[in-house]
Amino acid sequence: MTFKDLLVGGPKPVWIRFLLIIGAATLLTRLGLDSRFAQTSLFYCLIPYLIGVVLYIFIPQPQGWSKPKRFARHMLAALIVMLASSAILFEGFLCVLMAAPIYLFFASLTFAFGQSHPNYDEKRVSDVFRVSVVPVIIAIISIEGMTDKTSFPREEVITRTQVLNLTSEQIHANLAKPVHLEGERSKFLSLFPLPEKVEANGFAQGEVHKAFFTYRRWGFTNVHKGETWVRMKTVKPLKIETEVTKDTSYFSHYLTVHGTQIDMVPQTDGTTEVSLTIRYRRELDPAWYFGPMQRKAIRESADYLLTHVIGKGADDA
């Protein structure tokens, strides 16, 4: 059997090809997750592109379809393979949701730069490399994160500032209260689960606050439990510093939060300008994708804390 016979004549029906591709994608993903490259661009860029190549070659396109319809079919096939392999690997819906755009983007490059034959049996493996610069670009960007020299800076510092209708003493009193995260969150932050319990025995310097997380990867099952311990490093009238001493939450795979700093500047009208600084390390590559996403999450988290924890009750003061 020639390679053309394999493409056109078998195996049939087409769902058998899907099963074989899903199996290959699952194996490739598992190997990537178990390697030291699990958080690099190699995993998030090169693997999706290779899966896109396999889909382009082995999934037939109906004759006579327009290019937009063939592209939509190709992307649907990529989505099916991604969801199926993620389910087999017990990955969570949040991980799939965050990775889906970059996965579908690189899978689409295969189709976009492949030869657009109206008849499937004219397709050849060489078609996906017709524009040779594309595989070269994919190979280059896929080395990001593999070594220190091929990585962009990972350490980030985000500072958000609000003027609160509270005195510094009232802010200290707020922080000493039990934490109840009941405020309305943005749509983006709502994707991430809140801690189900927070233990805070006191607000004195040296005290450790503990947050307990339960993340159900599939919404109701496939549970991951973790803890985040935050130590009160510095507690002064106008400055409060914390450091994270332990983090086993599910999100520690994506970024490492080092700690926070709260700076208060009393104003003449009785209000207080409060700046919340969060220091963290990005753990995922590529930086051009995960960097902006994580900065958005940290900015919105800081705004939430300023409004609903640090500045709780400010509007009523």
C-alpha atoms as a PDB file:
ATOM      1  CA  MET A   1       0.000   0.000   0.000  1.00  0.00           C
ATOM      2  CA  THR A   2       1.387   3.371  -1.051  1.00  0.00           C
ATOM      3  CA  PHE A   3       1.189   6.470   1.109  1.00  0.00           C
ATOM      4  CA  LYS A   4      -1.434   7.877  -1.284  1.00  0.00           C
ATOM      5  CA  ASP A   5      -3.497   4.727  -0.791  1.00  0.00           C
ATOM      6  CA  LEU A   6      -3.302   5.247   2.960  1.00  0.00           C
ATOM      7  CA  LEU A   7      -4.488   8.833   2.605  1.00  0.00           C
ATOM      8  CA  VAL A   8      -7.350   8.134   0.213  1.00  0.00           C
ATOM      9  CA  GLY A   9      -8.345   4.559   0.800  1.00  0.00           C
ATOM     10  CA  GLY A  10      -7.863   3.721   4.423  1.00  0.00           C
ATOM     11  CA  PRO A  11      -8.436   3.282   7.176  1.00  0.00           C
ATOM     12  CA  LYS A  12     -12.187   3.774   6.841  1.00  0.00           C
ATOM     13  CA  PRO A  13     -14.606   4.889   8.166  1.00  0.00           C
ATOM     14  CA  VAL A  14     -13.073   8.231   9.046  1.00  0.00           C
ATOM     15  CA  TRP A  15     -13.788   7.871  12.788  1.00  0.00           C
ATOM     16  CA  ILE A  16     -11.117   5.168  12.877  1.00  0.00           C
ATOM     17  CA  ARG A  17      -8.614   7.769  11.706  1.00  0.00           C
ATOM     18  CA  PHE A  18      -9.838  10.102  14.444  1.00  0.00           C
ATOM     19  CA  LEU A  19      -9.275   7.407  17.054  1.00  0.00           C
ATOM     20  CA  LEU A  20      -5.752   6.786  15.799  1.00  0.00           C
ATOM     21  CA  ILE A  21      -4.965  10.514  15.728  1.00  0.00           C
ATOM     22  CA  ILE A  22      -6.427  11.025  19.221  1.00  0.00           C
ATOM     23  CA  GLY A  23      -4.277   8.147  20.455  1.00  0.00           C
ATOM     24  CA  ALA A  24      -1.168   9.633  18.867  1.00  0.00           C
ATOM     25  CA  ALA A  25      -1.988  13.138  20.205  1.00  0.00           C
ATOM     26  CA  THR A  26      -2.597  11.749  23.699  1.00  0.00           C
ATOM     27  CA  LEU A  27       0.709   9.893  23.675  1.00  0.00           C
ATOM     28  CA  LEU A  28       2.589  12.925  22.367  1.00  0.00           C
ATOM     29  CA  THR A  29       0.961  15.182  24.966  1.00  0.00           C
ATOM     30  CA  ARG A  30       1.662  12.716  27.775  1.00  0.00           C
ATOM     31  CA  LEU A  31       5.317  12.533  26.800  1.00  0.00           C
ATOM     32  CA  GLY A  32       5.464  16.316  26.775  1.00  0.00           C
ATOM     33  CA  LEU A  33       3.762  16.668  30.172  1.00  0.00           C
ATOM     34  CA  ASP A  34       6.129  14.151  31.742  1.00  0.00           C
ATOM     35  CA  SER A  35       9.228  15.844  30.369  1.00  0.00           C
ATOM     36  CA  ARG A  36      11.132  18.900  31.527  1.00  0.00           C
ATOM     37  CA  PHE A  37       9.633  20.761  28.563  1.00  0.00           C
ATOM     38  CA  ALA A  38       6.038  20.640  29.885  1.00  0.00           C
ATOM     39  CA  GLN A  39       5.919  24.410  30.511  1.00  0.00           C
ATOM     40  CA  THR A  40       7.891  25.527  27.448  1.00  0.00           C
ATOM     41  CA  SER A  41       6.949  26.693  23.963  1.00  0.00           C
ATOM     42  CA  LEU A  42       7.972  23.278  22.682  1.00  0.00           C
ATOM     43  CA  PHE A  43       4.868  21.871  24.348  1.00  0.00           C
ATOM     44  CA  TYR A  44       2.477  24.735  23.623  1.00  0.00           C
ATOM     45  CA  CYS A  45       3.591  25.595  20.069  1.00  0.00           C
ATOM     46  CA  LEU A  46       5.385  22.718  18.351  1.00  0.00           C
ATOM     47  CA  ILE A  47       3.113  19.887  19.509  1.00  0.00           C
ATOM     48  CA  PRO A  48      -0.111  21.631  18.358  1.00  0.00           C
ATOM     49  CA  TYR A  49       1.519  22.357  15.010  1.00  0.00           C
ATOM     50  CA  LEU A  50       2.532  18.719  14.557  1.00  0.00           C
ATOM     51  CA  ILE A  51      -0.978  17.569  15.442  1.00  0.00           C
ATOM     52  CA  GLY A  52      -2.306  20.054  12.891  1.00  0.00           C
ATOM     53  CA  VAL A  53       0.000  18.510  10.265  1.00  0.00           C
ATOM     54  CA  VAL A  54      -1.335  15.028  11.046  1.00  0.00           C
ATOM     55  CA  LEU A  55      -4.940  16.249  10.832  1.00  0.00           C
ATOM     56  CA  TYR A  56      -4.291  18.015   7.537  1.00  0.00           C
ATOM     57  CA  ILE A  57      -2.765  14.908   6.018  1.00  0.00           C
ATOM     58  CA  PHE A  58      -5.043  12.151   7.309  1.00  0.00           C
ATOM     59  CA  ILE A  59      -8.524  13.682   7.693  1.00  0.00           C
ATOM     60  CA  PRO A  60     -10.216  13.867   4.257  1.00  0.00           C
ATOM     61  CA  GLN A  61     -11.955  16.991   3.023  1.00  0.00           C
ATOM     62  CA  PRO A  62     -15.171  16.656   0.972  1.00  0.00           C
ATOM     63  CA  GLN A  63     -14.717  17.438  -2.709  1.00  0.00           C
ATOM     64  CA  GLY A  64     -16.071  20.724  -3.950  1.00  0.00           C
ATOM     65  CA  TRP A  65     -16.028  22.484  -0.573  1.00  0.00           C
ATOM     66  CA  SER A  66     -14.846  26.088  -0.437  1.00  0.00           C
ATOM     67  CA  LYS A  67     -11.658  26.918   1.460  1.00  0.00           C
ATOM     68  CA  PRO A  68     -13.542  28.551   4.405  1.00  0.00           C
ATOM     69  CA  LYS A  69     -15.655  25.397   4.830  1.00  0.00           C
ATOM     70  CA  ARG A  70     -12.577  23.168   4.626  1.00  0.00           C
ATOM     71  CA  PHE A  71     -10.831  25.396   7.171  1.00  0.00           C
ATOM     72  CA  ALA A  72     -13.813  25.192   9.541  1.00  0.00           C
ATOM     73  CA  ARG A  73     -13.777  21.391   9.219  1.00  0.00           C
ATOM     74  CA  HIS A  74     -10.046  21.303   9.942  1.00  0.00           C
ATOM     75  CA  MET A  75     -10.477  23.467  13.056  1.00  0.00           C
ATOM     76  CA  LEU A  76     -13.391  21.333  14.258  1.00  0.00           C
ATOM     77  CA  ALA A  77     -11.190  18.250  13.889  1.00  0.00           C
ATOM     78  CA  ALA A  78      -8.427  19.984  15.885  1.00  0.00           C
ATOM     79  CA  LEU A  79     -10.916  20.883  18.625  1.00  0.00           C
ATOM     80  CA  ILE A  80     -12.214  17.296  18.804  1.00  0.00           C
ATOM     81  CA  VAL A  81      -8.694  15.909  19.132  1.00  0.00           C
ATOM     82  CA  MET A  82      -7.739  18.485  21.773  1.00  0.00           C
ATOM     83  CA  LEU A  83     -10.818  17.867  23.934  1.00  0.00           C
ATOM     84  CA  ALA A  84     -10.639  14.084  23.594  1.00  0.00           C
ATOM     85  CA  SER A  85      -6.936  13.861  24.439  1.00  0.00           C
ATOM     86  CA  SER A  86      -7.385  16.281  27.361  1.00  0.00           C
ATOM     87  CA  ALA A  87     -10.197  14.143  28.779  1.00  0.00           C
ATOM     88  CA  ILE A  88      -8.108  10.994  28.464  1.00  0.00           C
ATOM     89  CA  LEU A  89      -5.239  12.738  30.266  1.00  0.00           C
ATOM     90  CA  PHE A  90      -7.582  13.998  33.040  1.00  0.00           C
ATOM     91  CA  GLU A  91      -6.722  17.623  32.307  1.00  0.00           C
ATOM     92  CA  GLY A  92      -9.110  20.270  33.669  1.00  0.00           C
ATOM     93  CA  PHE A  93     -11.520  22.411  31.678  1.00  0.00           C
ATOM     94  CA  LEU A  94      -9.672  25.555  32.788  1.00  0.00           C
ATOM     95  CA  CYS A  95      -6.372  24.269  31.426  1.00  0.00           C
ATOM     96  CA  VAL A  96      -8.095  23.388  28.146  1.00  0.00           C
ATOM     97  CA  LEU A  97      -9.789  26.800  27.998  1.00  0.00           C
ATOM     98  CA  MET A  98      -6.513  28.667  28.568  1.00  0.00           C
ATOM     99  CA  ALA A  99      -4.563  26.569  26.071  1.00  0.00           C
ATOM    100  CA  ALA A 100      -7.270  26.296  23.393  1.00  0.00           C
ATOM    101  CA  PRO A 101      -6.562  29.594  21.541  1.00  0.00           C
ATOM    102  CA  ILE A 102      -2.848  28.925  21.156  1.00  0.00           C
ATOM    103  CA  TYR A 103      -3.507  25.275  20.250  1.00  0.00           C
ATOM    104  CA  LEU A 104      -6.045  26.184  17.576  1.00  0.00           C
ATOM    105  CA  PHE A 105      -3.833  28.992  16.259  1.00  0.00           C
ATOM    106  CA  PHE A 106      -0.898  26.701  15.536  1.00  0.00           C
ATOM    107  CA  ALA A 107      -3.134  23.936  14.238  1.00  0.00           C
ATOM    108  CA  SER A 108      -4.658  26.447  11.822  1.00  0.00           C
ATOM    109  CA  LEU A 109      -1.243  27.395  10.424  1.00  0.00           C
ATOM    110  CA  THR A 110      -0.997  23.947   8.881  1.00  0.00           C
ATOM    111  CA  PHE A 111      -4.157  24.491   6.880  1.00  0.00           C
ATOM    112  CA  ALA A 112      -3.494  28.145   6.100  1.00  0.00           C
ATOM    113  CA  PHE A 113      -0.122  27.433   4.491  1.00  0.00           C
ATOM    114  CA  GLY A 114      -0.904  24.025   3.053  1.00  0.00           C
ATOM    115  CA  GLN A 115      -1.745  23.620  -0.621  1.00  0.00           C
ATOM    116  CA  SER A 116      -5.491  24.186  -1.046  1.00  0.00           C
ATOM    117  CA  HIS A 117      -6.531  21.346  -3.336  1.00  0.00           C
ATOM    118  CA  PRO A 118     -10.289  21.057  -3.888  1.00  0.00           C
ATOM    119  CA  ASN A 119      -9.901  17.271  -4.161  1.00  0.00           C
ATOM    120  CA  TYR A 120      -8.547  15.464  -1.141  1.00  0.00           C
ATOM    121  CA  ASP A 121      -6.737  12.773  -3.120  1.00  0.00           C
ATOM    122  CA  GLU A 122      -4.408  15.412  -4.582  1.00  0.00           C
ATOM    123  CA  LYS A 123      -3.022  16.299  -1.170  1.00  0.00           C
ATOM    124  CA  ARG A 124       0.569  15.395  -0.341  1.00  0.00           C
ATOM    125  CA  VAL A 125       2.710  15.527   2.775  1.00  0.00           C
ATOM    126  CA  SER A 126       4.946  18.097   1.134  1.00  0.00           C
ATOM    127  CA  ASP A 127       1.996  20.490   0.876  1.00  0.00           C
ATOM    128  CA  VAL A 128       2.186  21.437   4.556  1.00  0.00           C
ATOM    129  CA  PHE A 129       5.787  22.534   4.043  1.00  0.00           C
ATOM    130  CA  ARG A 130       5.060  24.404   0.808  1.00  0.00           C
ATOM    131  CA  VAL A 131       5.989  27.684   2.476  1.00  0.00           C
ATOM    132  CA  SER A 132       9.209  26.545   4.111  1.00  0.00           C
ATOM    133  CA  VAL A 133       9.505  29.620   6.337  1.00  0.00           C
ATOM    134  CA  VAL A 134       6.525  28.516   8.489  1.00  0.00           C
ATOM    135  CA  PRO A 135       8.082  25.311   9.914  1.00  0.00           C
ATOM    136  CA  VAL A 136      11.304  27.256  10.465  1.00  0.00           C
ATOM    137  CA  ILE A 137       9.468  29.952  12.436  1.00  0.00           C
ATOM    138  CA  ILE A 138       7.628  27.302  14.481  1.00  0.00           C
ATOM    139  CA  ALA A 139      10.922  25.573  15.262  1.00  0.00           C
ATOM    140  CA  ILE A 140      12.530  28.846  16.348  1.00  0.00           C
ATOM    141  CA  ILE A 141       9.752  30.008  18.658  1.00  0.00           C
ATOM    142  CA  SER A 142       9.434  26.505  20.131  1.00  0.00           C
ATOM    143  CA  ILE A 143      12.847  26.725  21.805  1.00  0.00           C
ATOM    144  CA  GLU A 144      11.617  29.453  24.183  1.00  0.00           C
ATOM    145  CA  GLY A 145      11.884  28.253  27.759  1.00  0.00           C
ATOM    146  CA  MET A 146      14.113  25.273  27.043  1.00  0.00           C
ATOM    147  CA  THR A 147      17.144  27.028  28.552  1.00  0.00           C
ATOM    148  CA  ASP A 148      17.766  30.249  30.465  1.00  0.00           C
ATOM    149  CA  LYS A 149      19.319  31.790  27.363  1.00  0.00           C
ATOM    150  CA  THR A 150      16.199  31.082  25.287  1.00  0.00           C
ATOM    151  CA  SER A 151      13.783  32.414  27.906  1.00  0.00           C
ATOM    152  CA  PHE A 152      12.333  35.871  28.366  1.00  0.00           C
ATOM    153  CA  PRO A 153      12.307  37.449  31.850  1.00  0.00           C
ATOM    154  CA  ARG A 154       9.898  35.589  34.112  1.00  0.00           C
ATOM    155  CA  GLU A 155       9.802  37.768  37.211  1.00  0.00           C
ATOM    156  CA  GLU A 156       6.926  40.249  37.211  1.00  0.00           C
ATOM    157  CA  VAL A 157       5.782  43.022  39.551  1.00  0.00           C
ATOM    158  CA  ILE A 158       2.265  44.455  39.332  1.00  0.00           C
ATOM    159  CA  THR A 159       1.157  47.487  41.376  1.00  0.00           C
ATOM    160  CA  ARG A 160      -2.420  48.761  41.610  1.00  0.00           C
ATOM    161  CA  THR A 161      -3.454  51.884  43.496  1.00  0.00           C
ATOM    162  CA  GLN A 162      -6.786  53.105  44.869  1.00  0.00           C
ATOM    163  CA  VAL A 163      -7.807  55.959  47.151  1.00  0.00           C
ATOM    164  CA  LEU A 164      -9.943  54.433  49.910  1.00  0.00           C
ATOM    165  CA  ASN A 165     -12.390  56.284  52.134  1.00  0.00           C
ATOM    166  CA  LEU A 166     -10.699  54.732  55.168  1.00  0.00           C
ATOM    167  CA  THR A 167      -7.911  55.585  57.584  1.00  0.00           C
ATOM    168  CA  SER A 168      -4.839  53.360  57.878  1.00  0.00           C
ATOM    169  CA  GLU A 169      -6.175  52.138  61.250  1.00  0.00           C
ATOM    170  CA  GLN A 170      -9.447  51.062  59.617  1.00  0.00           C
ATOM    171  CA  ILE A 171      -7.506  49.275  56.873  1.00  0.00           C
ATOM    172  CA  HIS A 172      -5.535  47.358  59.504  1.00  0.00           C
ATOM    173  CA  ALA A 173      -8.827  46.462  61.173  1.00  0.00           C
ATOM    174  CA  ASN A 174     -10.182  45.153  57.855  1.00  0.00           C
ATOM    175  CA  LEU A 175      -7.143  42.960  57.324  1.00  0.00           C
ATOM    176  CA  ALA A 176      -7.456  41.542  60.835  1.00  0.00           C
ATOM    177  CA  LYS A 177     -11.018  40.357  60.171  1.00  0.00           C
ATOM    178  CA  PRO A 178     -11.876  36.866  58.846  1.00  0.00           C
ATOM    179  CA  VAL A 179     -11.556  36.786  55.062  1.00  0.00           C
ATOM    180  CA  HIS A 180     -14.830  36.418  53.137  1.00  0.00           C
ATOM    181  CA  LEU A 181     -14.413  36.663  49.384  1.00  0.00           C
ATOM    182  CA  GLU A 182     -17.990  37.496  48.508  1.00  0.00           C
ATOM    183  CA  GLY A 183     -17.511  40.475  46.192  1.00  0.00           C
ATOM    184  CA  GLU A 184     -18.440  40.286  42.542  1.00  0.00           C
ATOM    185  CA  ARG A 185     -15.534  39.322  40.326  1.00  0.00           C
ATOM    186  CA  SER A 186     -14.831  40.038  36.665  1.00  0.00           C
ATOM    187  CA  LYS A 187     -15.815  37.454  34.082  1.00  0.00           C
ATOM    188  CA  PHE A 188     -12.156  36.531  33.615  1.00  0.00           C
ATOM    189  CA  LEU A 189     -11.481  36.055  37.336  1.00  0.00           C
ATOM    190  CA  SER A 190     -14.705  34.065  37.688  1.00  0.00           C
ATOM    191  CA  LEU A 191     -13.040  31.281  35.710  1.00  0.00           C
ATOM    192  CA  PHE A 192     -10.705  30.631  38.655  1.00  0.00           C
ATOM    193  CA  PRO A 193     -12.006  29.002  41.850  1.00  0.00           C
ATOM    194  CA  LEU A 194     -11.815  30.864  45.144  1.00  0.00           C
ATOM    195  CA  PRO A 195     -10.428  29.219  48.295  1.00  0.00           C
ATOM    196  CA  GLU A 196     -13.110  27.231  50.075  1.00  0.00           C
ATOM    197  CA  LYS A 197     -11.641  28.155  53.465  1.00  0.00           C
ATOM    198  CA  VAL A 198      -9.156  30.685  54.852  1.00  0.00           C
ATOM    199  CA  GLU A 199      -7.521  30.266  58.253  1.00  0.00           C
ATOM    200  CA  ALA A 200      -6.231  33.536  59.730  1.00  0.00           C
ATOM    201  CA  ASN A 201      -5.446  33.382  63.440  1.00  0.00           C
ATOM    202  CA  GLY A 202      -4.137  36.921  63.656  1.00  0.00           C
ATOM    203  CA  PHE A 203      -2.573  39.809  61.825  1.00  0.00           C
ATOM    204  CA  ALA A 204       0.584  40.209  63.870  1.00  0.00           C
ATOM    205  CA  GLN A 205       4.005  40.038  62.261  1.00  0.00           C
ATOM    206  CA  GLY A 206       5.041  36.419  61.813  1.00  0.00           C
ATOM    207  CA  GLU A 207       1.489  35.032  61.675  1.00  0.00           C
ATOM    208  CA  VAL A 208       0.688  32.604  58.846  1.00  0.00           C
ATOM    209  CA  HIS A 209      -2.610  32.682  56.974  1.00  0.00           C
ATOM    210  CA  LYS A 210      -3.657  29.512  55.144  1.00  0.00           C
ATOM    211  CA  ALA A 211      -5.996  29.271  52.154  1.00  0.00           C
ATOM    212  CA  PHE A 212      -7.398  25.873  51.139  1.00  0.00           C
ATOM    213  CA  PHE A 213      -8.343  25.233  47.524  1.00  0.00           C
ATOM    214  CA  THR A 214     -10.394  22.487  45.924  1.00  0.00           C
ATOM    215  CA  TYR A 215     -10.288  22.489  42.137  1.00  0.00           C
ATOM    216  CA  ARG A 216     -12.618  20.119  40.286  1.00  0.00           C
ATOM    217  CA  ARG A 217     -10.986  19.780  36.921  1.00  0.00           C
ATOM    218  CA  TRP A 218     -14.193  18.620  35.220  1.00  0.00           C
ATOM    219  CA  GLY A 219     -16.539  20.856  37.175  1.00  0.00           C
ATOM    220  CA  PHE A 220     -17.782  18.105  39.485  1.00  0.00           C
ATOM    221  CA  THR A 221     -15.048  15.481  39.742  1.00  0.00           C
ATOM    222  CA  ASN A 222     -11.323  14.896  39.048  1.00  0.00           C
ATOM    223  CA  VAL A 223     -10.414  16.822  42.203  1.00  0.00           C
ATOM    224  CA  HIS A 224      -7.138  18.532  43.056  1.00  0.00           C
ATOM    225  CA  LYS A 225      -6.687  19.877  46.595  1.00  0.00           C
ATOM    226  CA  GLY A 226      -3.991  22.343  47.594  1.00  0.00           C
ATOM    227  CA  GLU A 227      -2.965  24.986  50.103  1.00  0.00           C
ATOM    228  CA  THR A 228      -1.388  28.422  50.004  1.00  0.00           C
ATOM    229  CA  TRP A 229       0.402  29.698  53.125  1.00  0.00           C
ATOM    230  CA  VAL A 230       0.978  33.431  53.461  1.00  0.00           C
ATOM    231  CA  ARG A 231       3.267  34.755  56.225  1.00  0.00           C
ATOM    232  CA  MET A 232       2.958  38.284  57.586  1.00  0.00           C
ATOM    233  CA  LYS A 233       6.546  39.375  56.961  1.00  0.00           C
ATOM    234  CA  THR A 234       6.233  43.038  57.952  1.00  0.00           C
ATOM    235  CA  VAL A 235       3.359  44.742  59.761  1.00  0.00           C
ATOM    236  CA  LYS A 236       3.810  48.496  60.222  1.00  0.00           C
ATOM    237  CA  PRO A 237       1.279  51.335  60.448  1.00  0.00           C
ATOM    238  CA  LEU A 238       1.750  52.337  56.792  1.00  0.00           C
ATOM    239  CA  LYS A 239       3.382  49.247  55.298  1.00  0.00           C
ATOM    240  CA  ILE A 240       2.464  45.577  55.238  1.00  0.00           C
ATOM    241  CA  GLU A 241       4.521  42.873  53.526  1.00  0.00           C
ATOM    242  CA  THR A 242       3.630  39.208  53.037  1.00  0.00           C
ATOM    243  CA  GLU A 243       5.499  36.253  51.612  1.00  0.00           C
ATOM    244  CA  VAL A 244       4.150  32.980  50.270  1.00  0.00           C
ATOM    245  CA  THR A 245       5.895  30.148  52.114  1.00  0.00           C
ATOM    246  CA  LYS A 246       3.961  27.242  50.614  1.00  0.00           C
ATOM    247  CA  ASP A 247       1.778  26.805  47.550  1.00  0.00           C
ATOM    248  CA  THR A 248       0.420  23.451  46.410  1.00  0.00           C
ATOM    249  CA  SER A 249      -2.681  24.854  44.716  1.00  0.00           C
ATOM    250  CA  TYR A 250      -3.416  23.822  41.147  1.00  0.00           C
ATOM    251  CA  PHE A 251      -2.414  27.270  39.881  1.00  0.00           C
ATOM    252  CA  SER A 252       1.116  26.988  41.231  1.00  0.00           C
ATOM    253  CA  HIS A 253       1.872  25.081  38.006  1.00  0.00           C
ATOM    254  CA  TYR A 254       1.184  28.264  36.042  1.00  0.00           C
ATOM    255  CA  LEU A 255       2.735  30.999  38.175  1.00  0.00           C
ATOM    256  CA  THR A 256       4.570  31.359  41.478  1.00  0.00           C
ATOM    257  CA  VAL A 257       3.405  34.214  43.697  1.00  0.00           C
ATOM    258  CA  HIS A 258       6.261  35.413  45.920  1.00  0.00           C
ATOM    259  CA  GLY A 259       4.341  37.842  48.081  1.00  0.00           C
ATOM    260  CA  THR A 260       2.629  41.198  48.350  1.00  0.00           C
ATOM    261  CA  GLN A 261       3.273  44.678  49.713  1.00  0.00           C
ATOM    262  CA  ILE A 262       0.692  47.220  50.840  1.00  0.00           C
ATOM    263  CA  ASP A 263       1.773  50.850  51.077  1.00  0.00           C
ATOM    264  CA  MET A 264      -0.544  53.446  52.623  1.00  0.00           C
ATOM    265  CA  VAL A 265      -0.306  57.218  52.220  1.00  0.00           C
ATOM    266  CA  PRO A 266      -2.806  59.145  54.389  1.00  0.00           C
ATOM    267  CA  GLN A 267      -4.463  62.089  52.638  1.00  0.00           C
ATOM    268  CA  THR A 268      -5.457  65.427  54.176  1.00  0.00           C
ATOM    269  CA  ASP A 269      -9.168  64.724  53.619  1.00  0.00           C
ATOM    270  CA  GLY A 270      -9.104  61.590  55.787  1.00  0.00           C
ATOM    271  CA  THR A 271      -8.824  59.111  52.923  1.00  0.00           C
ATOM    272  CA  THR A 272      -5.835  56.859  52.267  1.00  0.00           C
ATOM    273  CA  GLU A 273      -4.008  56.171  49.034  1.00  0.00           C
ATOM    274  CA  VAL A 274      -3.309  52.454  49.053  1.00  0.00           C
ATOM    275  CA  SER A 275      -0.936  50.678  46.653  1.00  0.00           C
ATOM    276  CA  LEU A 276      -0.951  46.899  46.441  1.00  0.00           C
ATOM    277  CA  THR A 277       2.117  45.308  44.825  1.00  0.00           C
ATOM    278  CA  ILE A 278       2.175  41.636  43.861  1.00  0.00           C
ATOM    279  CA  ARG A 279       5.441  39.896  42.967  1.00  0.00           C
ATOM    280  CA  TYR A 280       5.243  36.683  40.976  1.00  0.00           C
ATOM    281  CA  ARG A 281       7.057  34.474  38.505  1.00  0.00           C
ATOM    282  CA  ARG A 282       5.571  33.328  35.196  1.00  0.00           C
ATOM    283  CA  GLU A 283       6.090  29.593  34.766  1.00  0.00           C
ATOM    284  CA  LEU A 284       4.611  29.045  31.284  1.00  0.00           C
ATOM    285  CA  ASP A 285       5.922  29.841  27.819  1.00  0.00           C
ATOM    286  CA  PRO A 286       5.539  31.402  25.332  1.00  0.00           C
ATOM    287  CA  ALA A 287       5.803  34.776  27.053  1.00  0.00           C
ATOM    288  CA  TRP A 288       3.906  36.587  24.278  1.00  0.00           C
ATOM    289  CA  TYR A 289       0.798  34.533  25.100  1.00  0.00           C
ATOM    290  CA  PHE A 290       0.892  33.656  28.803  1.00  0.00           C
ATOM    291  CA  GLY A 291       2.594  36.898  29.892  1.00  0.00           C
ATOM    292  CA  PRO A 292      -0.324  39.238  29.055  1.00  0.00           C
ATOM    293  CA  MET A 293      -2.862  36.686  30.299  1.00  0.00           C
ATOM    294  CA  GLN A 294      -1.204  36.365  33.703  1.00  0.00           C
ATOM    295  CA  ARG A 295      -0.680  40.110  34.015  1.00  0.00           C
ATOM    296  CA  LYS A 296      -4.408  40.589  33.422  1.00  0.00           C
ATOM    297  CA  ALA A 297      -5.228  37.989  36.100  1.00  0.00           C
ATOM    298  CA  ILE A 298      -2.879  39.592  38.643  1.00  0.00           C
ATOM    299  CA  ARG A 299      -4.116  43.141  37.930  1.00  0.00           C
ATOM    300  CA  GLU A 300      -7.738  42.139  38.344  1.00  0.00           C
ATOM    301  CA  SER A 301      -6.923  40.124  41.476  1.00  0.00           C
ATOM    302  CA  ALA A 302      -5.176  43.150  42.986  1.00  0.00           C
ATOM    303  CA  ASP A 303      -8.153  45.391  42.192  1.00  0.00           C
ATOM    304  CA  TYR A 304     -10.489  42.843  43.767  1.00  0.00           C
ATOM    305  CA  LEU A 305      -8.429  42.684  46.965  1.00  0.00           C
ATOM    306  CA  LEU A 306      -8.211  46.484  47.190  1.00  0.00           C
ATOM    307  CA  THR A 307     -11.971  46.833  46.816  1.00  0.00           C
ATOM    308  CA  HIS A 308     -13.360  43.846  48.710  1.00  0.00           C
ATOM    309  CA  VAL A 309     -10.717  42.968  51.325  1.00  0.00           C
ATOM    310  CA  ILE A 310      -8.384  45.871  52.049  1.00  0.00           C
ATOM    311  CA  GLY A 311     -11.042  48.525  51.404  1.00  0.00           C
ATOM    312  CA  LYS A 312     -14.031  46.577  52.661  1.00  0.00           C
ATOM    313  CA  GLY A 313     -16.759  48.964  53.795  1.00  0.00           C
ATOM    314  CA  ALA A 314     -14.946  52.035  52.482  1.00  0.00           C
ATOM    315  CA  ASP A 315     -18.087  53.379  50.800  1.00  0.00           C
ATOM    316  CA  ASP A 316     -19.931  53.222  54.102  1.00  0.00           C
ATOM    317  CA  ALA A 317     -17.194  54.865  56.173  1.00  0.00           C
END
